[in-house]
Amino acid sequence: ISFLQLLIMEEAPNARKALLENYDNLLNVADYCCSNYIQSGEDNMKALEETKNFTTQSLASVAYQISTLASSVLSLLDVLLYSTLFYQ
């Protein structure tokens, strides 16, 4: 199996799956934060700080996954370019 086939058949679907899982996780975190804030009553500043922490962690996770996916796409484009040049 070539590197190009590996990228197309394995890495791209795996990266897509990871992004979809992250999407579901973000929805769960958002639901938790909303519920936690509503139930916090007088201690809503603590709930707000917790929400800020979750937001920071979530954004970092999404940025990392997008960066990883972008690197895979760039690798795929490099392989396509080199294979096109090689076979000309």
PDB file of N, CA and C in Angstrom:
ATOM      1  N   ILE A   1       0.856  -1.191   0.000  1.00  0.00           N
ATOM      2  CA  ILE A   1       0.000   0.000   0.000  1.00  0.00           C
ATOM      3  C   ILE A   1       0.896   1.247   0.000  1.00  0.00           C
ATOM      4  N   SER A   2       0.569   2.154  -0.860  1.00  0.00           N
ATOM      5  CA  SER A   2       1.381   3.365  -0.973  1.00  0.00           C
ATOM      6  C   SER A   2       0.989   4.379   0.098  1.00  0.00           C
ATOM      7  N   PHE A   3       1.857   5.340   0.273  1.00  0.00           N
ATOM      8  CA  PHE A   3       1.590   6.413   1.233  1.00  0.00           C
ATOM      9  C   PHE A   3       0.331   7.167   0.853  1.00  0.00           C
ATOM     10  N   LEU A   4       0.129   7.388  -0.431  1.00  0.00           N
ATOM     11  CA  LEU A   4      -1.056   8.087  -0.923  1.00  0.00           C
ATOM     12  C   LEU A   4      -2.325   7.309  -0.590  1.00  0.00           C
ATOM     13  N   GLN A   5      -2.299   6.012  -0.826  1.00  0.00           N
ATOM     14  CA  GLN A   5      -3.468   5.188  -0.510  1.00  0.00           C
ATOM     15  C   GLN A   5      -3.740   5.187   0.987  1.00  0.00           C
ATOM     16  N   LEU A   6      -2.682   5.144   1.779  1.00  0.00           N
ATOM     17  CA  LEU A   6      -2.837   5.179   3.232  1.00  0.00           C
ATOM     18  C   LEU A   6      -3.525   6.463   3.665  1.00  0.00           C
ATOM     19  N   LEU A   7      -3.089   7.579   3.103  1.00  0.00           N
ATOM     20  CA  LEU A   7      -3.703   8.862   3.458  1.00  0.00           C
ATOM     21  C   LEU A   7      -5.174   8.906   3.063  1.00  0.00           C
ATOM     22  N   ILE A   8      -5.464   8.459   1.858  1.00  0.00           N
ATOM     23  CA  ILE A   8      -6.834   8.540   1.365  1.00  0.00           C
ATOM     24  C   ILE A   8      -7.760   7.570   2.100  1.00  0.00           C
ATOM     25  N   MET A   9      -7.297   6.340   2.306  1.00  0.00           N
ATOM     26  CA  MET A   9      -8.175   5.300   2.827  1.00  0.00           C
ATOM     27  C   MET A   9      -8.226   5.223   4.348  1.00  0.00           C
ATOM     28  N   GLU A  10      -7.216   5.709   5.033  1.00  0.00           N
ATOM     29  CA  GLU A  10      -7.184   5.564   6.483  1.00  0.00           C
ATOM     30  C   GLU A  10      -7.148   6.893   7.225  1.00  0.00           C
ATOM     31  N   GLU A  11      -6.163   7.708   6.920  1.00  0.00           N
ATOM     32  CA  GLU A  11      -5.973   8.907   7.725  1.00  0.00           C
ATOM     33  C   GLU A  11      -7.098   9.920   7.565  1.00  0.00           C
ATOM     34  N   ALA A  12      -7.542  10.142   6.357  1.00  0.00           N
ATOM     35  CA  ALA A  12      -8.613  11.124   6.147  1.00  0.00           C
ATOM     36  C   ALA A  12      -9.900  10.716   6.869  1.00  0.00           C
ATOM     37  N   PRO A  13     -10.382   9.469   6.720  1.00  0.00           N
ATOM     38  CA  PRO A  13     -11.586   9.081   7.471  1.00  0.00           C
ATOM     39  C   PRO A  13     -11.386   9.114   8.985  1.00  0.00           C
ATOM     40  N   ASN A  14     -10.186   8.732   9.437  1.00  0.00           N
ATOM     41  CA  ASN A  14      -9.913   8.778  10.881  1.00  0.00           C
ATOM     42  C   ASN A  14      -9.937  10.209  11.402  1.00  0.00           C
ATOM     43  N   ALA A  15      -9.369  11.125  10.630  1.00  0.00           N
ATOM     44  CA  ALA A  15      -9.368  12.531  11.039  1.00  0.00           C
ATOM     45  C   ALA A  15     -10.792  13.081  11.058  1.00  0.00           C
ATOM     46  N   ARG A  16     -11.584  12.715  10.064  1.00  0.00           N
ATOM     47  CA  ARG A  16     -12.983  13.151  10.014  1.00  0.00           C
ATOM     48  C   ARG A  16     -13.744  12.598  11.218  1.00  0.00           C
ATOM     49  N   LYS A  17     -13.516  11.332  11.532  1.00  0.00           N
ATOM     50  CA  LYS A  17     -14.179  10.714  12.683  1.00  0.00           C
ATOM     51  C   LYS A  17     -13.800  11.434  13.981  1.00  0.00           C
ATOM     52  N   ALA A  18     -12.531  11.767  14.123  1.00  0.00           N
ATOM     53  CA  ALA A  18     -12.071  12.478  15.330  1.00  0.00           C
ATOM     54  C   ALA A  18     -12.739  13.846  15.443  1.00  0.00           C
ATOM     55  N   LEU A  19     -12.883  14.550  14.310  1.00  0.00           N
ATOM     56  CA  LEU A  19     -13.550  15.853  14.338  1.00  0.00           C
ATOM     57  C   LEU A  19     -15.022  15.716  14.718  1.00  0.00           C
ATOM     58  N   LEU A  20     -15.687  14.685  14.205  1.00  0.00           N
ATOM     59  CA  LEU A  20     -17.093  14.462  14.560  1.00  0.00           C
ATOM     60  C   LEU A  20     -17.238  14.104  16.036  1.00  0.00           C
ATOM     61  N   GLU A  21     -16.321  13.296  16.555  1.00  0.00           N
ATOM     62  CA  GLU A  21     -16.347  12.966  17.984  1.00  0.00           C
ATOM     63  C   GLU A  21     -16.114  14.214  18.823  1.00  0.00           C
ATOM     64  N   ASN A  22     -15.183  15.053  18.366  1.00  0.00           N
ATOM     65  CA  ASN A  22     -14.917  16.297  19.085  1.00  0.00           C
ATOM     66  C   ASN A  22     -16.158  17.183  19.082  1.00  0.00           C
ATOM     67  N   TYR A  23     -16.865  17.215  17.963  1.00  0.00           N
ATOM     68  CA  TYR A  23     -18.104  17.985  17.867  1.00  0.00           C
ATOM     69  C   TYR A  23     -19.117  17.503  18.910  1.00  0.00           C
ATOM     70  N   ASP A  24     -19.292  16.190  18.994  1.00  0.00           N
ATOM     71  CA  ASP A  24     -20.211  15.637  19.995  1.00  0.00           C
ATOM     72  C   ASP A  24     -19.768  15.974  21.411  1.00  0.00           C
ATOM     73  N   ASN A  25     -18.462  15.868  21.658  1.00  0.00           N
ATOM     74  CA  ASN A  25     -17.932  16.196  22.987  1.00  0.00           C
ATOM     75  C   ASN A  25     -18.161  17.667  23.326  1.00  0.00           C
ATOM     76  N   LEU A  26     -17.983  18.544  22.333  1.00  0.00           N
ATOM     77  CA  LEU A  26     -18.211  19.972  22.572  1.00  0.00           C
ATOM     78  C   LEU A  26     -19.673  20.244  22.920  1.00  0.00           C
ATOM     79  N   LEU A  27     -20.579  19.560  22.256  1.00  0.00           N
ATOM     80  CA  LEU A  27     -21.997  19.717  22.591  1.00  0.00           C
ATOM     81  C   LEU A  27     -22.277  19.265  24.019  1.00  0.00           C
ATOM     82  N   ASN A  28     -21.669  18.152  24.419  1.00  0.00           N
ATOM     83  CA  ASN A  28     -21.852  17.664  25.789  1.00  0.00           C
ATOM     84  C   ASN A  28     -21.278  18.646  26.808  1.00  0.00           C
ATOM     85  N   VAL A  29     -20.126  19.202  26.514  1.00  0.00           N
ATOM     86  CA  VAL A  29     -19.511  20.188  27.416  1.00  0.00           C
ATOM     87  C   VAL A  29     -20.394  21.432  27.501  1.00  0.00           C
ATOM     88  N   ALA A  30     -20.915  21.871  26.363  1.00  0.00           N
ATOM     89  CA  ALA A  30     -21.786  23.056  26.362  1.00  0.00           C
ATOM     90  C   ALA A  30     -23.042  22.805  27.193  1.00  0.00           C
ATOM     91  N   ASP A  31     -23.632  21.628  27.031  1.00  0.00           N
ATOM     92  CA  ASP A  31     -24.819  21.293  27.826  1.00  0.00           C
ATOM     93  C   ASP A  31     -24.485  21.265  29.317  1.00  0.00           C
ATOM     94  N   TYR A  32     -23.348  20.654  29.653  1.00  0.00           N
ATOM     95  CA  TYR A  32     -22.936  20.598  31.051  1.00  0.00           C
ATOM     96  C   TYR A  32     -22.723  22.003  31.614  1.00  0.00           C
ATOM     97  N   CYS A  33     -22.004  22.836  30.881  1.00  0.00           N
ATOM     98  CA  CYS A  33     -21.712  24.188  31.364  1.00  0.00           C
ATOM     99  C   CYS A  33     -22.991  24.993  31.558  1.00  0.00           C
ATOM    100  N   CYS A  34     -23.909  24.874  30.625  1.00  0.00           N
ATOM    101  CA  CYS A  34     -25.176  25.593  30.745  1.00  0.00           C
ATOM    102  C   CYS A  34     -25.954  25.116  31.969  1.00  0.00           C
ATOM    103  N   SER A  35     -26.069  23.820  32.101  1.00  0.00           N
ATOM    104  CA  SER A  35     -26.785  23.242  33.247  1.00  0.00           C
ATOM    105  C   SER A  35     -26.095  23.600  34.559  1.00  0.00           C
ATOM    106  N   ASN A  36     -24.783  23.521  34.582  1.00  0.00           N
ATOM    107  CA  ASN A  36     -24.004  23.833  35.779  1.00  0.00           C
ATOM    108  C   ASN A  36     -24.194  25.295  36.184  1.00  0.00           C
ATOM    109  N   TYR A  37     -24.206  26.186  35.196  1.00  0.00           N
ATOM    110  CA  TYR A  37     -24.380  27.612  35.496  1.00  0.00           C
ATOM    111  C   TYR A  37     -25.775  27.873  36.051  1.00  0.00           C
ATOM    112  N   ILE A  38     -26.783  27.263  35.452  1.00  0.00           N
ATOM    113  CA  ILE A  38     -28.158  27.465  35.911  1.00  0.00           C
ATOM    114  C   ILE A  38     -28.335  26.944  37.333  1.00  0.00           C
ATOM    115  N   GLN A  39     -27.728  25.806  37.628  1.00  0.00           N
ATOM    116  CA  GLN A  39     -27.869  25.186  38.941  1.00  0.00           C
ATOM    117  C   GLN A  39     -26.940  25.784  39.994  1.00  0.00           C
ATOM    118  N   SER A  40     -26.018  26.630  39.588  1.00  0.00           N
ATOM    119  CA  SER A  40     -25.015  27.144  40.525  1.00  0.00           C
ATOM    120  C   SER A  40     -25.585  28.139  41.533  1.00  0.00           C
ATOM    121  N   GLY A  41     -26.670  28.784  41.199  1.00  0.00           N
ATOM    122  CA  GLY A  41     -27.289  29.733  42.117  1.00  0.00           C
ATOM    123  C   GLY A  41     -26.370  30.882  42.465  1.00  0.00           C
ATOM    124  N   GLU A  42     -26.092  31.043  43.732  1.00  0.00           N
ATOM    125  CA  GLU A  42     -25.262  32.147  44.227  1.00  0.00           C
ATOM    126  C   GLU A  42     -23.793  32.008  43.819  1.00  0.00           C
ATOM    127  N   ASP A  43     -23.371  30.793  43.554  1.00  0.00           N
ATOM    128  CA  ASP A  43     -21.963  30.544  43.243  1.00  0.00           C
ATOM    129  C   ASP A  43     -21.731  30.503  41.727  1.00  0.00           C
ATOM    130  N   ASN A  44     -22.384  31.420  41.012  1.00  0.00           N
ATOM    131  CA  ASN A  44     -22.291  31.374  39.552  1.00  0.00           C
ATOM    132  C   ASN A  44     -20.917  31.805  39.021  1.00  0.00           C
ATOM    133  N   MET A  45     -20.141  32.528  39.795  1.00  0.00           N
ATOM    134  CA  MET A  45     -18.795  32.906  39.346  1.00  0.00           C
ATOM    135  C   MET A  45     -17.895  31.680  39.235  1.00  0.00           C
ATOM    136  N   LYS A  46     -18.054  30.741  40.157  1.00  0.00           N
ATOM    137  CA  LYS A  46     -17.278  29.504  40.075  1.00  0.00           C
ATOM    138  C   LYS A  46     -17.669  28.726  38.818  1.00  0.00           C
ATOM    139  N   ALA A  47     -18.953  28.666  38.529  1.00  0.00           N
ATOM    140  CA  ALA A  47     -19.428  27.977  37.319  1.00  0.00           C
ATOM    141  C   ALA A  47     -18.925  28.684  36.066  1.00  0.00           C
ATOM    142  N   LEU A  48     -18.890  29.999  36.106  1.00  0.00           N
ATOM    143  CA  LEU A  48     -18.390  30.762  34.965  1.00  0.00           C
ATOM    144  C   LEU A  48     -16.898  30.498  34.738  1.00  0.00           C
ATOM    145  N   GLU A  49     -16.132  30.438  35.795  1.00  0.00           N
ATOM    146  CA  GLU A  49     -14.699  30.136  35.671  1.00  0.00           C
ATOM    147  C   GLU A  49     -14.481  28.731  35.112  1.00  0.00           C
ATOM    148  N   GLU A  50     -15.285  27.799  35.584  1.00  0.00           N
ATOM    149  CA  GLU A  50     -15.187  26.430  35.064  1.00  0.00           C
ATOM    150  C   GLU A  50     -15.523  26.397  33.570  1.00  0.00           C
ATOM    151  N   THR A  51     -16.529  27.161  33.183  1.00  0.00           N
ATOM    152  CA  THR A  51     -16.901  27.246  31.770  1.00  0.00           C
ATOM    153  C   THR A  51     -15.763  27.840  30.948  1.00  0.00           C
ATOM    154  N   LYS A  52     -15.119  28.863  31.466  1.00  0.00           N
ATOM    155  CA  LYS A  52     -13.976  29.461  30.762  1.00  0.00           C
ATOM    156  C   LYS A  52     -12.866  28.433  30.568  1.00  0.00           C
ATOM    157  N   ASN A  53     -12.592  27.634  31.593  1.00  0.00           N
ATOM    158  CA  ASN A  53     -11.549  26.609  31.497  1.00  0.00           C
ATOM    159  C   ASN A  53     -11.901  25.552  30.452  1.00  0.00           C
ATOM    160  N   PHE A  54     -13.156  25.099  30.477  1.00  0.00           N
ATOM    161  CA  PHE A  54     -13.599  24.128  29.466  1.00  0.00           C
ATOM    162  C   PHE A  54     -13.494  24.715  28.066  1.00  0.00           C
ATOM    163  N   THR A  55     -13.861  25.980  27.924  1.00  0.00           N
ATOM    164  CA  THR A  55     -13.807  26.637  26.618  1.00  0.00           C
ATOM    165  C   THR A  55     -12.370  26.686  26.099  1.00  0.00           C
ATOM    166  N   THR A  56     -11.449  27.059  26.956  1.00  0.00           N
ATOM    167  CA  THR A  56     -10.040  27.132  26.566  1.00  0.00           C
ATOM    168  C   THR A  56      -9.520  25.759  26.143  1.00  0.00           C
ATOM    169  N   GLN A  57      -9.812  24.744  26.947  1.00  0.00           N
ATOM    170  CA  GLN A  57      -9.365  23.391  26.623  1.00  0.00           C
ATOM    171  C   GLN A  57      -9.992  22.895  25.323  1.00  0.00           C
ATOM    172  N   SER A  58     -11.257  23.178  25.131  1.00  0.00           N
ATOM    173  CA  SER A  58     -11.963  22.726  23.935  1.00  0.00           C
ATOM    174  C   SER A  58     -11.419  23.394  22.682  1.00  0.00           C
ATOM    175  N   LEU A  59     -11.190  24.694  22.753  1.00  0.00           N
ATOM    176  CA  LEU A  59     -10.636  25.402  21.598  1.00  0.00           C
ATOM    177  C   LEU A  59      -9.241  24.898  21.249  1.00  0.00           C
ATOM    178  N   ALA A  60      -8.444  24.617  22.256  1.00  0.00           N
ATOM    179  CA  ALA A  60      -7.101  24.080  22.011  1.00  0.00           C
ATOM    180  C   ALA A  60      -7.190  22.706  21.342  1.00  0.00           C
ATOM    181  N   SER A  61      -8.114  21.889  21.780  1.00  0.00           N
ATOM    182  CA  SER A  61      -8.292  20.569  21.202  1.00  0.00           C
ATOM    183  C   SER A  61      -8.732  20.654  19.744  1.00  0.00           C
ATOM    184  N   VAL A  62      -9.683  21.522  19.458  1.00  0.00           N
ATOM    185  CA  VAL A  62     -10.157  21.697  18.080  1.00  0.00           C
ATOM    186  C   VAL A  62      -9.035  22.234  17.197  1.00  0.00           C
ATOM    187  N   ALA A  63      -8.289  23.199  17.686  1.00  0.00           N
ATOM    188  CA  ALA A  63      -7.175  23.759  16.914  1.00  0.00           C
ATOM    189  C   ALA A  63      -6.144  22.683  16.604  1.00  0.00           C
ATOM    190  N   TYR A  64      -5.844  21.830  17.573  1.00  0.00           N
ATOM    191  CA  TYR A  64      -4.887  20.749  17.361  1.00  0.00           C
ATOM    192  C   TYR A  64      -5.397  19.777  16.297  1.00  0.00           C
ATOM    193  N   GLN A  65      -6.658  19.407  16.388  1.00  0.00           N
ATOM    194  CA  GLN A  65      -7.208  18.461  15.417  1.00  0.00           C
ATOM    195  C   GLN A  65      -7.242  19.052  14.010  1.00  0.00           C
ATOM    196  N   ILE A  66      -7.591  20.302  13.901  1.00  0.00           N
ATOM    197  CA  ILE A  66      -7.605  20.949  12.586  1.00  0.00           C
ATOM    198  C   ILE A  66      -6.187  21.036  12.031  1.00  0.00           C
ATOM    199  N   SER A  67      -5.228  21.348  12.873  1.00  0.00           N
ATOM    200  CA  SER A  67      -3.832  21.398  12.447  1.00  0.00           C
ATOM    201  C   SER A  67      -3.362  20.029  11.956  1.00  0.00           C
ATOM    202  N   THR A  68      -3.718  18.983  12.674  1.00  0.00           N
ATOM    203  CA  THR A  68      -3.351  17.628  12.283  1.00  0.00           C
ATOM    204  C   THR A  68      -3.986  17.262  10.942  1.00  0.00           C
ATOM    205  N   LEU A  69      -5.253  17.600  10.788  1.00  0.00           N
ATOM    206  CA  LEU A  69      -5.943  17.323   9.532  1.00  0.00           C
ATOM    207  C   LEU A  69      -5.324  18.121   8.386  1.00  0.00           C
ATOM    208  N   ALA A  70      -4.998  19.368   8.628  1.00  0.00           N
ATOM    209  CA  ALA A  70      -4.369  20.198   7.594  1.00  0.00           C
ATOM    210  C   ALA A  70      -3.015  19.625   7.186  1.00  0.00           C
ATOM    211  N   SER A  71      -2.256  19.130   8.142  1.00  0.00           N
ATOM    212  CA  SER A  71      -0.965  18.513   7.829  1.00  0.00           C
ATOM    213  C   SER A  71      -1.146  17.279   6.952  1.00  0.00           C
ATOM    214  N   SER A  72      -2.164  16.498   7.243  1.00  0.00           N
ATOM    215  CA  SER A  72      -2.444  15.317   6.425  1.00  0.00           C
ATOM    216  C   SER A  72      -2.832  15.709   5.009  1.00  0.00           C
ATOM    217  N   VAL A  73      -3.641  16.735   4.876  1.00  0.00           N
ATOM    218  CA  VAL A  73      -4.038  17.201   3.552  1.00  0.00           C
ATOM    219  C   VAL A  73      -2.828  17.717   2.784  1.00  0.00           C
ATOM    220  N   LEU A  74      -1.966  18.454   3.446  1.00  0.00           N
ATOM    221  CA  LEU A  74      -0.752  18.943   2.787  1.00  0.00           C
ATOM    222  C   LEU A  74       0.150  17.787   2.358  1.00  0.00           C
ATOM    223  N   SER A  75       0.254  16.769   3.181  1.00  0.00           N
ATOM    224  CA  SER A  75       1.040  15.598   2.809  1.00  0.00           C
ATOM    225  C   SER A  75       0.435  14.911   1.597  1.00  0.00           C
ATOM    226  N   LEU A  76      -0.865  14.809   1.577  1.00  0.00           N
ATOM    227  CA  LEU A  76      -1.550  14.211   0.442  1.00  0.00           C
ATOM    228  C   LEU A  76      -1.281  15.007  -0.831  1.00  0.00           C
ATOM    229  N   LEU A  77      -1.358  16.319  -0.743  1.00  0.00           N
ATOM    230  CA  LEU A  77      -1.082  17.163  -1.907  1.00  0.00           C
ATOM    231  C   LEU A  77       0.366  17.040  -2.363  1.00  0.00           C
ATOM    232  N   ASP A  78       1.288  16.951  -1.424  1.00  0.00           N
ATOM    233  CA  ASP A  78       2.701  16.753  -1.776  1.00  0.00           C
ATOM    234  C   ASP A  78       2.897  15.439  -2.527  1.00  0.00           C
ATOM    235  N   VAL A  79       2.279  14.376  -2.021  1.00  0.00           N
ATOM    236  CA  VAL A  79       2.406  13.075  -2.675  1.00  0.00           C
ATOM    237  C   VAL A  79       1.803  13.128  -4.068  1.00  0.00           C
ATOM    238  N   LEU A  80       0.661  13.758  -4.206  1.00  0.00           N
ATOM    239  CA  LEU A  80       0.037  13.890  -5.526  1.00  0.00           C
ATOM    240  C   LEU A  80       0.931  14.672  -6.485  1.00  0.00           C
ATOM    241  N   LEU A  81       1.495  15.757  -5.998  1.00  0.00           N
ATOM    242  CA  LEU A  81       2.378  16.572  -6.831  1.00  0.00           C
ATOM    243  C   LEU A  81       3.598  15.778  -7.279  1.00  0.00           C
ATOM    244  N   TYR A  82       4.266  15.121  -6.334  1.00  0.00           N
ATOM    245  CA  TYR A  82       5.467  14.370  -6.664  1.00  0.00           C
ATOM    246  C   TYR A  82       5.163  13.186  -7.571  1.00  0.00           C
ATOM    247  N   SER A  83       4.042  12.524  -7.342  1.00  0.00           N
ATOM    248  CA  SER A  83       3.704  11.384  -8.202  1.00  0.00           C
ATOM    249  C   SER A  83       3.358  11.860  -9.605  1.00  0.00           C
ATOM    250  N   THR A  84       2.718  13.021  -9.716  1.00  0.00           N
ATOM    251  CA  THR A  84       2.413  13.586 -11.038  1.00  0.00           C
ATOM    252  C   THR A  84       3.696  13.961 -11.756  1.00  0.00           C
ATOM    253  N   LEU A  85       4.618  14.583 -11.061  1.00  0.00           N
ATOM    254  CA  LEU A  85       5.891  14.979 -11.668  1.00  0.00           C
ATOM    255  C   LEU A  85       6.724  13.757 -12.055  1.00  0.00           C
ATOM    256  N   PHE A  86       6.668  12.738 -11.213  1.00  0.00           N
ATOM    257  CA  PHE A  86       7.461  11.527 -11.450  1.00  0.00           C
ATOM    258  C   PHE A  86       6.984  10.783 -12.694  1.00  0.00           C
ATOM    259  N   TYR A  87       5.681  10.746 -12.906  1.00  0.00           N
ATOM    260  CA  TYR A  87       5.120   9.972 -14.022  1.00  0.00           C
ATOM    261  C   TYR A  87       4.979  10.778 -15.310  1.00  0.00           C
ATOM    262  N   GLN A  88       5.430  12.003 -15.334  1.00  0.00           N
ATOM    263  CA  GLN A  88       5.349  12.796 -16.574  1.00  0.00           C
ATOM    264  C   GLN A  88       6.499  12.508 -17.477  1.00  0.00           C
TER     265      GLN A  88
END
